[in-house]
Amino acid sequence: MSKQLHEKYRLGDADFYHIRNRNEARVLRMMEKVLTEPPGMTPSAADLHDIYALALNSLPARYAQQGSIVLRDPVRDEDVLEAVRKAIATVVHNPKQ
């Protein structure tokens, strides 16, 4: 990580770089799983970015600090899986030119 990038997530002495939406990694895992299912689909990097963004935007944000203990997660894996499948369908039916 570059120092310049890290500085974008600072406010005074507070470092916000390691606060992340917990759904980011979950969406990536589900994308990896689901993208092996549709036969013949070879998404471009732009398609993958669109699928990722669409899926994340359809789920509630679940921000947590690095090292946080999460006792309960109201977003189920099935919800993430459904969001990824819908995002893939949207990208397939509306390809970028």
PDB file of N, CA and C in Angstrom:
ATOM      1  N   MET A   1       0.847  -1.172   0.000  1.00  0.00           N
ATOM      2  CA  MET A   1       0.000   0.000   0.000  1.00  0.00           C
ATOM      3  C   MET A   1       0.891   1.232   0.000  1.00  0.00           C
ATOM      4  N   SER A   2       0.554   2.185  -0.855  1.00  0.00           N
ATOM      5  CA  SER A   2       1.359   3.395  -0.920  1.00  0.00           C
ATOM      6  C   SER A   2       0.989   4.339   0.220  1.00  0.00           C
ATOM      7  N   LYS A   3       1.950   5.128   0.618  1.00  0.00           N
ATOM      8  CA  LYS A   3       1.713   6.094   1.692  1.00  0.00           C
ATOM      9  C   LYS A   3       0.648   7.098   1.263  1.00  0.00           C
ATOM     10  N   GLN A   4       0.674   7.479  -0.020  1.00  0.00           N
ATOM     11  CA  GLN A   4      -0.297   8.444  -0.531  1.00  0.00           C
ATOM     12  C   GLN A   4      -1.722   7.893  -0.411  1.00  0.00           C
ATOM     13  N   LEU A   5      -1.912   6.627  -0.761  1.00  0.00           N
ATOM     14  CA  LEU A   5      -3.229   6.010  -0.636  1.00  0.00           C
ATOM     15  C   LEU A   5      -3.649   5.957   0.822  1.00  0.00           C
ATOM     16  N   HIS A   6      -2.746   5.571   1.680  1.00  0.00           N
ATOM     17  CA  HIS A   6      -3.043   5.475   3.104  1.00  0.00           C
ATOM     18  C   HIS A   6      -3.451   6.839   3.664  1.00  0.00           C
ATOM     19  N   GLU A   7      -2.817   7.910   3.204  1.00  0.00           N
ATOM     20  CA  GLU A   7      -3.118   9.262   3.694  1.00  0.00           C
ATOM     21  C   GLU A   7      -4.539   9.700   3.340  1.00  0.00           C
ATOM     22  N   LYS A   8      -5.114   9.163   2.278  1.00  0.00           N
ATOM     23  CA  LYS A   8      -6.487   9.520   1.892  1.00  0.00           C
ATOM     24  C   LYS A   8      -7.497   9.102   2.951  1.00  0.00           C
ATOM     25  N   TYR A   9      -7.119   8.154   3.794  1.00  0.00           N
ATOM     26  CA  TYR A   9      -8.028   7.619   4.801  1.00  0.00           C
ATOM     27  C   TYR A   9      -7.663   8.090   6.205  1.00  0.00           C
ATOM     28  N   ARG A  10      -7.038   9.258   6.304  1.00  0.00           N
ATOM     29  CA  ARG A  10      -6.677   9.828   7.598  1.00  0.00           C
ATOM     30  C   ARG A  10      -7.440  11.129   7.818  1.00  0.00           C
ATOM     31  N   LEU A  11      -7.797  11.351   9.059  1.00  0.00           N
ATOM     32  CA  LEU A  11      -8.385  12.611   9.481  1.00  0.00           C
ATOM     33  C   LEU A  11      -7.733  12.938  10.811  1.00  0.00           C
ATOM     34  N   GLY A  12      -6.830  13.908  10.794  1.00  0.00           N
ATOM     35  CA  GLY A  12      -6.053  14.196  11.996  1.00  0.00           C
ATOM     36  C   GLY A  12      -5.231  12.977  12.368  1.00  0.00           C
ATOM     37  N   ASP A  13      -5.353  12.538  13.614  1.00  0.00           N
ATOM     38  CA  ASP A  13      -4.624  11.355  14.083  1.00  0.00           C
ATOM     39  C   ASP A  13      -5.386  10.050  13.842  1.00  0.00           C
ATOM     40  N   ALA A  14      -6.612  10.140  13.359  1.00  0.00           N
ATOM     41  CA  ALA A  14      -7.434   8.939  13.166  1.00  0.00           C
ATOM     42  C   ALA A  14      -7.166   8.311  11.800  1.00  0.00           C
ATOM     43  N   ASP A  15      -6.935   7.011  11.804  1.00  0.00           N
ATOM     44  CA  ASP A  15      -6.670   6.250  10.584  1.00  0.00           C
ATOM     45  C   ASP A  15      -7.896   5.392  10.266  1.00  0.00           C
ATOM     46  N   PHE A  16      -8.512   5.644   9.121  1.00  0.00           N
ATOM     47  CA  PHE A  16      -9.725   4.935   8.717  1.00  0.00           C
ATOM     48  C   PHE A  16      -9.455   3.888   7.640  1.00  0.00           C
ATOM     49  N   TYR A  17      -8.206   3.668   7.304  1.00  0.00           N
ATOM     50  CA  TYR A  17      -7.849   2.791   6.185  1.00  0.00           C
ATOM     51  C   TYR A  17      -8.356   1.359   6.367  1.00  0.00           C
ATOM     52  N   HIS A  18      -8.349   0.860   7.592  1.00  0.00           N
ATOM     53  CA  HIS A  18      -8.695  -0.540   7.836  1.00  0.00           C
ATOM     54  C   HIS A  18     -10.160  -0.757   8.194  1.00  0.00           C
ATOM     55  N   ILE A  19     -10.989   0.257   8.065  1.00  0.00           N
ATOM     56  CA  ILE A  19     -12.424   0.078   8.265  1.00  0.00           C
ATOM     57  C   ILE A  19     -13.009  -0.288   6.907  1.00  0.00           C
ATOM     58  N   ARG A  20     -13.622  -1.450   6.830  1.00  0.00           N
ATOM     59  CA  ARG A  20     -14.104  -1.975   5.555  1.00  0.00           C
ATOM     60  C   ARG A  20     -15.534  -2.491   5.673  1.00  0.00           C
ATOM     61  N   ASN A  21     -16.214  -2.504   4.550  1.00  0.00           N
ATOM     62  CA  ASN A  21     -17.527  -3.116   4.448  1.00  0.00           C
ATOM     63  C   ASN A  21     -17.305  -4.628   4.457  1.00  0.00           C
ATOM     64  N   ARG A  22     -17.838  -5.309   5.446  1.00  0.00           N
ATOM     65  CA  ARG A  22     -17.628  -6.756   5.578  1.00  0.00           C
ATOM     66  C   ARG A  22     -18.181  -7.523   4.382  1.00  0.00           C
ATOM     67  N   ASN A  23     -19.110  -6.936   3.654  1.00  0.00           N
ATOM     68  CA  ASN A  23     -19.685  -7.632   2.506  1.00  0.00           C
ATOM     69  C   ASN A  23     -18.742  -7.670   1.305  1.00  0.00           C
ATOM     70  N   GLU A  24     -17.707  -6.849   1.290  1.00  0.00           N
ATOM     71  CA  GLU A  24     -16.791  -6.824   0.142  1.00  0.00           C
ATOM     72  C   GLU A  24     -16.170  -8.200  -0.095  1.00  0.00           C
ATOM     73  N   ALA A  25     -15.587  -8.778   0.926  1.00  0.00           N
ATOM     74  CA  ALA A  25     -14.951 -10.093   0.779  1.00  0.00           C
ATOM     75  C   ALA A  25     -15.990 -11.170   0.512  1.00  0.00           C
ATOM     76  N   ARG A  26     -17.156 -11.040   1.127  1.00  0.00           N
ATOM     77  CA  ARG A  26     -18.214 -12.038   0.915  1.00  0.00           C
ATOM     78  C   ARG A  26     -18.700 -12.014  -0.528  1.00  0.00           C
ATOM     79  N   VAL A  27     -18.856 -10.822  -1.089  1.00  0.00           N
ATOM     80  CA  VAL A  27     -19.280 -10.711  -2.488  1.00  0.00           C
ATOM     81  C   VAL A  27     -18.231 -11.331  -3.402  1.00  0.00           C
ATOM     82  N   LEU A  28     -16.970 -11.058  -3.153  1.00  0.00           N
ATOM     83  CA  LEU A  28     -15.909 -11.652  -3.981  1.00  0.00           C
ATOM     84  C   LEU A  28     -15.937 -13.177  -3.920  1.00  0.00           C
ATOM     85  N   ARG A  29     -16.124 -13.734  -2.726  1.00  0.00           N
ATOM     86  CA  ARG A  29     -16.189 -15.199  -2.591  1.00  0.00           C
ATOM     87  C   ARG A  29     -17.369 -15.770  -3.372  1.00  0.00           C
ATOM     88  N   MET A  30     -18.518 -15.113  -3.273  1.00  0.00           N
ATOM     89  CA  MET A  30     -19.704 -15.596  -3.987  1.00  0.00           C
ATOM     90  C   MET A  30     -19.549 -15.418  -5.491  1.00  0.00           C
ATOM     91  N   MET A  31     -18.910 -14.334  -5.911  1.00  0.00           N
ATOM     92  CA  MET A  31     -18.665 -14.143  -7.346  1.00  0.00           C
ATOM     93  C   MET A  31     -17.821 -15.291  -7.880  1.00  0.00           C
ATOM     94  N   GLU A  32     -16.787 -15.637  -7.137  1.00  0.00           N
ATOM     95  CA  GLU A  32     -15.904 -16.730  -7.547  1.00  0.00           C
ATOM     96  C   GLU A  32     -16.700 -18.030  -7.691  1.00  0.00           C
ATOM     97  N   LYS A  33     -17.603 -18.266  -6.752  1.00  0.00           N
ATOM     98  CA  LYS A  33     -18.431 -19.476  -6.779  1.00  0.00           C
ATOM     99  C   LYS A  33     -19.404 -19.450  -7.959  1.00  0.00           C
ATOM    100  N   VAL A  34     -20.144 -18.365  -8.098  1.00  0.00           N
ATOM    101  CA  VAL A  34     -21.208 -18.284  -9.096  1.00  0.00           C
ATOM    102  C   VAL A  34     -20.657 -18.216 -10.516  1.00  0.00           C
ATOM    103  N   LEU A  35     -19.524 -17.585 -10.707  1.00  0.00           N
ATOM    104  CA  LEU A  35     -18.993 -17.436 -12.065  1.00  0.00           C
ATOM    105  C   LEU A  35     -18.544 -18.755 -12.674  1.00  0.00           C
ATOM    106  N   THR A  36     -18.454 -19.797 -11.877  1.00  0.00           N
ATOM    107  CA  THR A  36     -18.161 -21.117 -12.435  1.00  0.00           C
ATOM    108  C   THR A  36     -19.436 -21.813 -12.896  1.00  0.00           C
ATOM    109  N   GLU A  37     -20.606 -21.277 -12.510  1.00  0.00           N
ATOM    110  CA  GLU A  37     -21.889 -21.901 -12.834  1.00  0.00           C
ATOM    111  C   GLU A  37     -22.387 -21.610 -14.248  1.00  0.00           C
ATOM    112  N   PRO A  38     -22.486 -20.340 -14.684  1.00  0.00           N
ATOM    113  CA  PRO A  38     -23.052 -20.088 -16.015  1.00  0.00           C
ATOM    114  C   PRO A  38     -22.122 -20.614 -17.106  1.00  0.00           C
ATOM    115  N   PRO A  39     -22.590 -21.508 -17.937  1.00  0.00           N
ATOM    116  CA  PRO A  39     -21.713 -22.029 -18.994  1.00  0.00           C
ATOM    117  C   PRO A  39     -21.380 -20.959 -20.023  1.00  0.00           C
ATOM    118  N   GLY A  40     -20.127 -20.911 -20.381  1.00  0.00           N
ATOM    119  CA  GLY A  40     -19.699 -20.020 -21.450  1.00  0.00           C
ATOM    120  C   GLY A  40     -19.496 -18.569 -21.073  1.00  0.00           C
ATOM    121  N   MET A  41     -19.693 -18.196 -19.816  1.00  0.00           N
ATOM    122  CA  MET A  41     -19.524 -16.796 -19.437  1.00  0.00           C
ATOM    123  C   MET A  41     -18.069 -16.526 -19.093  1.00  0.00           C
ATOM    124  N   THR A  42     -17.477 -15.599 -19.834  1.00  0.00           N
ATOM    125  CA  THR A  42     -16.112 -15.162 -19.559  1.00  0.00           C
ATOM    126  C   THR A  42     -16.142 -13.650 -19.400  1.00  0.00           C
ATOM    127  N   PRO A  43     -16.424 -13.167 -18.191  1.00  0.00           N
ATOM    128  CA  PRO A  43     -16.552 -11.724 -17.995  1.00  0.00           C
ATOM    129  C   PRO A  43     -15.211 -11.009 -18.111  1.00  0.00           C
ATOM    130  N   SER A  44     -15.269  -9.806 -18.647  1.00  0.00           N
ATOM    131  CA  SER A  44     -14.080  -8.958 -18.713  1.00  0.00           C
ATOM    132  C   SER A  44     -13.842  -8.355 -17.329  1.00  0.00           C
ATOM    133  N   ALA A  45     -12.717  -7.689 -17.163  1.00  0.00           N
ATOM    134  CA  ALA A  45     -12.433  -7.007 -15.893  1.00  0.00           C
ATOM    135  C   ALA A  45     -13.501  -5.953 -15.614  1.00  0.00           C
ATOM    136  N   ALA A  46     -13.943  -5.232 -16.653  1.00  0.00           N
ATOM    137  CA  ALA A  46     -14.991  -4.217 -16.474  1.00  0.00           C
ATOM    138  C   ALA A  46     -16.298  -4.872 -16.029  1.00  0.00           C
ATOM    139  N   ASP A  47     -16.625  -6.032 -16.611  1.00  0.00           N
ATOM    140  CA  ASP A  47     -17.829  -6.765 -16.197  1.00  0.00           C
ATOM    141  C   ASP A  47     -17.727  -7.177 -14.730  1.00  0.00           C
ATOM    142  N   LEU A  48     -16.568  -7.679 -14.334  1.00  0.00           N
ATOM    143  CA  LEU A  48     -16.377  -8.090 -12.944  1.00  0.00           C
ATOM    144  C   LEU A  48     -16.537  -6.910 -11.991  1.00  0.00           C
ATOM    145  N   HIS A  49     -15.997  -5.760 -12.376  1.00  0.00           N
ATOM    146  CA  HIS A  49     -16.148  -4.558 -11.543  1.00  0.00           C
ATOM    147  C   HIS A  49     -17.618  -4.177 -11.429  1.00  0.00           C
ATOM    148  N   ASP A  50     -18.350  -4.240 -12.545  1.00  0.00           N
ATOM    149  CA  ASP A  50     -19.779  -3.909 -12.527  1.00  0.00           C
ATOM    150  C   ASP A  50     -20.558  -4.877 -11.642  1.00  0.00           C
ATOM    151  N   ILE A  51     -20.283  -6.161 -11.781  1.00  0.00           N
ATOM    152  CA  ILE A  51     -20.966  -7.170 -10.966  1.00  0.00           C
ATOM    153  C   ILE A  51     -20.693  -6.913  -9.486  1.00  0.00           C
ATOM    154  N   TYR A  52     -19.448  -6.656  -9.154  1.00  0.00           N
ATOM    155  CA  TYR A  52     -19.040  -6.392  -7.770  1.00  0.00           C
ATOM    156  C   TYR A  52     -19.776  -5.173  -7.213  1.00  0.00           C
ATOM    157  N   ALA A  53     -19.761  -4.082  -7.970  1.00  0.00           N
ATOM    158  CA  ALA A  53     -20.401  -2.844  -7.504  1.00  0.00           C
ATOM    159  C   ALA A  53     -21.914  -3.008  -7.388  1.00  0.00           C
ATOM    160  N   LEU A  54     -22.541  -3.627  -8.384  1.00  0.00           N
ATOM    161  CA  LEU A  54     -23.995  -3.831  -8.338  1.00  0.00           C
ATOM    162  C   LEU A  54     -24.393  -4.691  -7.143  1.00  0.00           C
ATOM    163  N   ALA A  55     -23.664  -5.766  -6.918  1.00  0.00           N
ATOM    164  CA  ALA A  55     -23.987  -6.645  -5.791  1.00  0.00           C
ATOM    165  C   ALA A  55     -23.820  -5.912  -4.464  1.00  0.00           C
ATOM    166  N   LEU A  56     -22.711  -5.201  -4.297  1.00  0.00           N
ATOM    167  CA  LEU A  56     -22.495  -4.460  -3.048  1.00  0.00           C
ATOM    168  C   LEU A  56     -23.559  -3.393  -2.834  1.00  0.00           C
ATOM    169  N   ASN A  57     -23.938  -2.699  -3.894  1.00  0.00           N
ATOM    170  CA  ASN A  57     -24.932  -1.635  -3.765  1.00  0.00           C
ATOM    171  C   ASN A  57     -26.320  -2.163  -3.431  1.00  0.00           C
ATOM    172  N   SER A  58     -26.570  -3.434  -3.693  1.00  0.00           N
ATOM    173  CA  SER A  58     -27.886  -3.990  -3.381  1.00  0.00           C
ATOM    174  C   SER A  58     -27.951  -4.574  -1.967  1.00  0.00           C
ATOM    175  N   LEU A  59     -26.830  -4.601  -1.282  1.00  0.00           N
ATOM    176  CA  LEU A  59     -26.772  -5.130   0.084  1.00  0.00           C
ATOM    177  C   LEU A  59     -26.565  -3.990   1.078  1.00  0.00           C
ATOM    178  N   PRO A  60     -27.073  -4.146   2.304  1.00  0.00           N
ATOM    179  CA  PRO A  60     -26.791  -3.113   3.302  1.00  0.00           C
ATOM    180  C   PRO A  60     -25.305  -3.130   3.664  1.00  0.00           C
ATOM    181  N   ALA A  61     -24.757  -1.964   3.889  1.00  0.00           N
ATOM    182  CA  ALA A  61     -23.339  -1.861   4.258  1.00  0.00           C
ATOM    183  C   ALA A  61     -23.138  -2.422   5.659  1.00  0.00           C
ATOM    184  N   ARG A  62     -22.039  -3.129   5.852  1.00  0.00           N
ATOM    185  CA  ARG A  62     -21.707  -3.721   7.152  1.00  0.00           C
ATOM    186  C   ARG A  62     -20.271  -3.358   7.489  1.00  0.00           C
ATOM    187  N   TYR A  63     -20.036  -2.117   7.870  1.00  0.00           N
ATOM    188  CA  TYR A  63     -18.676  -1.655   8.139  1.00  0.00           C
ATOM    189  C   TYR A  63     -18.183  -2.128   9.500  1.00  0.00           C
ATOM    190  N   ALA A  64     -16.902  -2.484   9.534  1.00  0.00           N
ATOM    191  CA  ALA A  64     -16.270  -2.932  10.775  1.00  0.00           C
ATOM    192  C   ALA A  64     -14.798  -2.569  10.733  1.00  0.00           C
ATOM    193  N   GLN A  65     -14.233  -2.356  11.908  1.00  0.00           N
ATOM    194  CA  GLN A  65     -12.800  -2.097  12.016  1.00  0.00           C
ATOM    195  C   GLN A  65     -12.048  -3.420  11.931  1.00  0.00           C
ATOM    196  N   GLN A  66     -10.812  -3.337  11.484  1.00  0.00           N
ATOM    197  CA  GLN A  66      -9.976  -4.532  11.441  1.00  0.00           C
ATOM    198  C   GLN A  66      -9.837  -5.080  12.855  1.00  0.00           C
ATOM    199  N   GLY A  67     -10.047  -6.362  13.017  1.00  0.00           N
ATOM    200  CA  GLY A  67      -9.935  -6.989  14.325  1.00  0.00           C
ATOM    201  C   GLY A  67     -11.209  -6.937  15.146  1.00  0.00           C
ATOM    202  N   SER A  68     -12.282  -6.352  14.600  1.00  0.00           N
ATOM    203  CA  SER A  68     -13.552  -6.295  15.319  1.00  0.00           C
ATOM    204  C   SER A  68     -14.151  -7.686  15.457  1.00  0.00           C
ATOM    205  N   ILE A  69     -14.857  -7.886  16.543  1.00  0.00           N
ATOM    206  CA  ILE A  69     -15.599  -9.127  16.729  1.00  0.00           C
ATOM    207  C   ILE A  69     -17.043  -8.840  16.342  1.00  0.00           C
ATOM    208  N   VAL A  70     -17.545  -9.580  15.377  1.00  0.00           N
ATOM    209  CA  VAL A  70     -18.925  -9.405  14.929  1.00  0.00           C
ATOM    210  C   VAL A  70     -19.734 -10.550  15.514  1.00  0.00           C
ATOM    211  N   LEU A  71     -20.665 -10.224  16.390  1.00  0.00           N
ATOM    212  CA  LEU A  71     -21.444 -11.255  17.065  1.00  0.00           C
ATOM    213  C   LEU A  71     -22.601 -11.764  16.210  1.00  0.00           C
ATOM    214  N   ARG A  72     -23.132 -10.904  15.364  1.00  0.00           N
ATOM    215  CA  ARG A  72     -24.278 -11.292  14.557  1.00  0.00           C
ATOM    216  C   ARG A  72     -24.196 -10.541  13.243  1.00  0.00           C
ATOM    217  N   ASP A  73     -24.475 -11.227  12.156  1.00  0.00           N
ATOM    218  CA  ASP A  73     -24.460 -10.586  10.848  1.00  0.00           C
ATOM    219  C   ASP A  73     -25.828 -10.767  10.217  1.00  0.00           C
ATOM    220  N   PRO A  74     -26.598  -9.678  10.091  1.00  0.00           N
ATOM    221  CA  PRO A  74     -27.954  -9.803   9.558  1.00  0.00           C
ATOM    222  C   PRO A  74     -28.009 -10.127   8.064  1.00  0.00           C
ATOM    223  N   VAL A  75     -26.896 -10.018   7.363  1.00  0.00           N
ATOM    224  CA  VAL A  75     -26.876 -10.346   5.937  1.00  0.00           C
ATOM    225  C   VAL A  75     -26.426 -11.803   5.807  1.00  0.00           C
ATOM    226  N   ARG A  76     -27.348 -12.640   5.352  1.00  0.00           N
ATOM    227  CA  ARG A  76     -27.053 -14.069   5.221  1.00  0.00           C
ATOM    228  C   ARG A  76     -26.274 -14.339   3.938  1.00  0.00           C
ATOM    229  N   ASP A  77     -25.560 -15.451   3.904  1.00  0.00           N
ATOM    230  CA  ASP A  77     -24.837 -15.841   2.691  1.00  0.00           C
ATOM    231  C   ASP A  77     -25.787 -15.978   1.509  1.00  0.00           C
ATOM    232  N   GLU A  78     -27.007 -16.443   1.772  1.00  0.00           N
ATOM    233  CA  GLU A  78     -28.002 -16.582   0.705  1.00  0.00           C
ATOM    234  C   GLU A  78     -28.345 -15.223   0.095  1.00  0.00           C
ATOM    235  N   ASP A  79     -28.367 -14.180   0.938  1.00  0.00           N
ATOM    236  CA  ASP A  79     -28.636 -12.824   0.446  1.00  0.00           C
ATOM    237  C   ASP A  79     -27.504 -12.354  -0.464  1.00  0.00           C
ATOM    238  N   VAL A  80     -26.279 -12.636  -0.064  1.00  0.00           N
ATOM    239  CA  VAL A  80     -25.113 -12.248  -0.863  1.00  0.00           C
ATOM    240  C   VAL A  80     -25.122 -13.014  -2.183  1.00  0.00           C
ATOM    241  N   LEU A  81     -25.412 -14.299  -2.121  1.00  0.00           N
ATOM    242  CA  LEU A  81     -25.470 -15.132  -3.320  1.00  0.00           C
ATOM    243  C   LEU A  81     -26.527 -14.614  -4.294  1.00  0.00           C
ATOM    244  N   GLU A  82     -27.701 -14.281  -3.776  1.00  0.00           N
ATOM    245  CA  GLU A  82     -28.776 -13.747  -4.619  1.00  0.00           C
ATOM    246  C   GLU A  82     -28.369 -12.410  -5.241  1.00  0.00           C
ATOM    247  N   ALA A  83     -27.722 -11.550  -4.465  1.00  0.00           N
ATOM    248  CA  ALA A  83     -27.280 -10.248  -4.981  1.00  0.00           C
ATOM    249  C   ALA A  83     -26.274 -10.426  -6.110  1.00  0.00           C
ATOM    250  N   VAL A  84     -25.361 -11.375  -5.961  1.00  0.00           N
ATOM    251  CA  VAL A  84     -24.359 -11.635  -7.000  1.00  0.00           C
ATOM    252  C   VAL A  84     -25.032 -12.183  -8.255  1.00  0.00           C
ATOM    253  N   ARG A  85     -25.950 -13.120  -8.091  1.00  0.00           N
ATOM    254  CA  ARG A  85     -26.647 -13.689  -9.260  1.00  0.00           C
ATOM    255  C   ARG A  85     -27.436 -12.620 -10.010  1.00  0.00           C
ATOM    256  N   LYS A  86     -28.112 -11.750  -9.283  1.00  0.00           N
ATOM    257  CA  LYS A  86     -28.864 -10.663  -9.929  1.00  0.00           C
ATOM    258  C   LYS A  86     -27.923  -9.704 -10.645  1.00  0.00           C
ATOM    259  N   ALA A  87     -26.797  -9.407 -10.028  1.00  0.00           N
ATOM    260  CA  ALA A  87     -25.824  -8.499 -10.649  1.00  0.00           C
ATOM    261  C   ALA A  87     -25.268  -9.108 -11.929  1.00  0.00           C
ATOM    262  N   ILE A  88     -24.973 -10.396 -11.910  1.00  0.00           N
ATOM    263  CA  ILE A  88     -24.479 -11.068 -13.118  1.00  0.00           C
ATOM    264  C   ILE A  88     -25.530 -11.007 -14.215  1.00  0.00           C
ATOM    265  N   ALA A  89     -26.779 -11.286 -13.874  1.00  0.00           N
ATOM    266  CA  ALA A  89     -27.858 -11.238 -14.864  1.00  0.00           C
ATOM    267  C   ALA A  89     -27.986  -9.842 -15.458  1.00  0.00           C
ATOM    268  N   THR A  90     -27.864  -8.827 -14.632  1.00  0.00           N
ATOM    269  CA  THR A  90     -27.950  -7.444 -15.113  1.00  0.00           C
ATOM    270  C   THR A  90     -26.825  -7.146 -16.089  1.00  0.00           C
ATOM    271  N   VAL A  91     -25.621  -7.547 -15.760  1.00  0.00           N
ATOM    272  CA  VAL A  91     -24.466  -7.287 -16.629  1.00  0.00           C
ATOM    273  C   VAL A  91     -24.579  -8.083 -17.930  1.00  0.00           C
ATOM    274  N   VAL A  92     -25.028  -9.329 -17.847  1.00  0.00           N
ATOM    275  CA  VAL A  92     -25.181 -10.158 -19.050  1.00  0.00           C
ATOM    276  C   VAL A  92     -26.211  -9.547 -19.997  1.00  0.00           C
ATOM    277  N   HIS A  93     -27.309  -9.042 -19.448  1.00  0.00           N
ATOM    278  CA  HIS A  93     -28.386  -8.493 -20.278  1.00  0.00           C
ATOM    279  C   HIS A  93     -28.159  -7.045 -20.692  1.00  0.00           C
ATOM    280  N   ASN A  94     -27.179  -6.393 -20.099  1.00  0.00           N
ATOM    281  CA  ASN A  94     -26.866  -4.998 -20.428  1.00  0.00           C
ATOM    282  C   ASN A  94     -25.363  -4.830 -20.593  1.00  0.00           C
ATOM    283  N   PRO A  95     -24.760  -5.508 -21.566  1.00  0.00           N
ATOM    284  CA  PRO A  95     -23.295  -5.431 -21.707  1.00  0.00           C
ATOM    285  C   PRO A  95     -22.836  -4.037 -22.117  1.00  0.00           C
ATOM    286  N   LYS A  96     -21.637  -3.684 -21.680  1.00  0.00           N
ATOM    287  CA  LYS A  96     -21.046  -2.408 -22.100  1.00  0.00           C
ATOM    288  C   LYS A  96     -20.557  -2.552 -23.526  1.00  0.00           C
ATOM    289  N   GLN A  97     -20.677  -1.510 -24.273  1.00  0.00           N
ATOM    290  CA  GLN A  97     -20.239  -1.547 -25.677  1.00  0.00           C
ATOM    291  C   GLN A  97     -18.797  -1.163 -25.796  1.00  0.00           C
TER     292      GLN A  97
END
